[in-house]
């Protein structure tokens, strides 16, 4: 058994989730919970990472990708993680880890870019 196969099997979150989907769920849950309960540190972390189009135009381009890792509303948190669990494992199995993660973050970045551009075109005074 190769080392890569062994690591993948051991990090499969009980065999039900591919490691890339489990990792996304874990990172999203941890960052969202830190943002919700960690006081000023958590609030600062969320404010530095969520999508704010005016700050993207000011050069903070990491916001185009990092916003997807935070969920500030409890119902959005539950449904977001549920959707990752239900659809992420099937897509990851069909596409493979690299393509799944690439598509996940490319969709997040393109969605954020469209929102940022729309904000600039529809509300130029902001």
Protein backbone atom coordinates (compact mmCIF):
# COMPACT_ATOMS: atom_id res chain seq x y z
CA UNK A 1 0.00 0.00 0.00
CA UNK A 2 1.42 3.37 -0.96
CA UNK A 3 1.93 6.11 1.59
CA UNK A 4 -0.50 8.45 -0.21
CA UNK A 5 -3.22 5.78 -0.22
CA UNK A 6 -2.61 5.05 3.46
CA UNK A 7 -2.82 8.73 4.41
CA UNK A 8 -5.98 9.20 2.35
CA UNK A 9 -7.62 6.17 4.00
CA UNK A 10 -6.64 7.29 7.52
CA UNK A 11 -7.93 10.83 6.95
CA UNK A 12 -11.25 9.80 5.43
CA UNK A 13 -13.33 10.91 8.43
CA UNK A 14 -14.66 7.44 9.17
CA UNK A 15 -14.75 6.32 5.55
CA UNK A 16 -17.83 8.39 4.80
CA UNK A 17 -16.14 11.55 3.57
CA UNK A 18 -13.19 12.16 1.34
CA UNK A 19 -10.49 14.08 3.24
CA UNK A 20 -10.87 17.21 1.11
CA UNK A 21 -14.60 17.46 1.91
CA UNK A 22 -14.05 16.69 5.59
CA UNK A 23 -11.28 19.27 5.64
CA UNK A 24 -13.52 21.94 4.11
CA UNK A 25 -16.27 21.14 6.60
CA UNK A 26 -13.79 21.23 9.48
CA UNK A 27 -12.14 24.51 8.41
CA UNK A 28 -15.50 26.19 7.75
CA UNK A 29 -16.89 25.02 11.09
CA UNK A 30 -13.82 26.05 13.08
CA UNK A 31 -13.49 29.48 11.45
CA UNK A 32 -17.22 30.19 11.75
CA UNK A 33 -17.29 29.16 15.41
CA UNK A 34 -14.18 31.23 16.16
CA UNK A 35 -15.83 34.18 14.45
CA UNK A 36 -18.98 33.72 16.50
CA UNK A 37 -17.55 33.15 19.96
CA UNK A 38 -14.00 34.48 20.13
CA UNK A 39 -14.89 38.04 20.98
CA UNK A 40 -12.82 40.79 19.40
CA UNK A 41 -10.31 38.33 17.88
CA UNK A 42 -13.06 36.35 16.15
CA UNK A 43 -14.82 39.51 15.03
CA UNK A 44 -11.58 40.87 13.62
CA UNK A 45 -10.92 37.59 11.78
CA UNK A 46 -14.37 37.61 10.21
CA UNK A 47 -14.11 41.29 9.26
CA UNK A 48 -10.76 40.64 7.56
CA UNK A 49 -12.01 37.70 5.51
CA UNK A 50 -15.64 38.22 4.50
CA UNK A 51 -16.57 39.68 1.13
CA UNK A 52 -16.77 43.46 1.22
CA UNK A 53 -16.61 44.68 -2.40
CA UNK A 54 -15.31 48.14 -1.56
CA UNK A 55 -12.30 46.59 0.20
CA UNK A 56 -11.67 44.23 -2.72
CA UNK A 57 -11.43 47.31 -4.95
CA UNK A 58 -8.99 48.76 -2.40
CA UNK A 59 -6.66 45.80 -2.95
CA UNK A 60 -7.77 43.15 -0.45
CA UNK A 61 -8.23 40.50 -3.15
CA UNK A 62 -7.98 37.53 -0.74
CA UNK A 63 -11.59 38.30 0.19
CA UNK A 64 -12.65 36.85 -3.17
CA UNK A 65 -11.78 33.37 -1.85
CA UNK A 66 -11.84 33.52 1.96
CA UNK A 67 -15.47 34.60 2.32
CA UNK A 68 -16.64 31.09 1.54
CA UNK A 69 -14.96 29.72 4.68
CA UNK A 70 -17.10 31.78 7.07
CA UNK A 71 -20.78 31.55 7.89
CA UNK A 72 -22.14 34.05 10.38
CA UNK A 73 -25.80 32.99 10.53
CA UNK A 74 -26.69 29.77 12.42
CA UNK A 75 -29.12 28.47 9.78
CA UNK A 76 -26.64 29.23 7.00
CA UNK A 77 -23.96 27.45 9.01
CA UNK A 78 -26.06 24.30 9.36
CA UNK A 79 -27.25 24.19 5.77
CA UNK A 80 -23.84 25.11 4.34
CA UNK A 81 -22.13 22.26 6.14
CA UNK A 82 -24.98 19.90 5.28
CA UNK A 83 -24.67 20.76 1.58
CA UNK A 84 -20.92 20.18 1.70
CA UNK A 85 -21.53 16.82 3.33
CA UNK A 86 -24.27 15.72 0.93
CA UNK A 87 -22.94 17.03 -2.38
CA UNK A 88 -19.23 17.40 -1.67
CA UNK A 89 -18.57 13.72 -1.18
CA UNK A 90 -20.30 12.78 -4.45
CA UNK A 91 -18.61 15.50 -6.45
CA UNK A 92 -15.23 14.73 -4.95
CA UNK A 93 -15.64 11.06 -5.71
CA UNK A 94 -16.66 11.78 -9.30
CA UNK A 95 -14.11 14.54 -10.00
CA UNK A 96 -11.22 13.77 -7.70
CA UNK A 97 -9.78 15.93 -4.92
CA UNK A 98 -7.89 18.44 -7.06
CA UNK A 99 -10.75 19.16 -9.45
CA UNK A 100 -13.29 19.36 -6.62
CA UNK A 101 -11.26 21.87 -4.60
CA UNK A 102 -10.40 23.83 -7.75
CA UNK A 103 -14.06 24.04 -8.73
CA UNK A 104 -15.12 24.92 -5.17
CA UNK A 105 -12.74 27.85 -4.85
CA UNK A 106 -13.06 28.92 -8.50
CA UNK A 107 -16.83 29.13 -8.09
CA UNK A 108 -16.40 31.07 -4.84
CA UNK A 109 -13.96 33.51 -6.48
CA UNK A 110 -16.03 33.98 -9.63
CA UNK A 111 -19.21 34.54 -7.61
CA UNK A 112 -17.42 37.10 -5.46
CA UNK A 113 -15.98 38.80 -8.55
CA UNK A 114 -19.44 39.12 -10.10
CA UNK A 115 -20.85 40.53 -6.85
CA UNK A 116 -17.93 42.94 -6.54
CA UNK A 117 -18.32 44.11 -10.13
CA UNK A 118 -22.10 44.43 -9.78
CA UNK A 119 -21.66 46.52 -6.65
CA UNK A 120 -19.31 48.84 -8.51
CA UNK A 121 -21.64 49.18 -11.51
CA UNK A 122 -24.93 49.48 -9.60
CA UNK A 123 -23.70 51.57 -6.67
CA UNK A 124 -20.70 53.59 -7.88
CA UNK A 125 -20.93 56.06 -4.99
CA UNK A 126 -20.22 53.43 -2.32
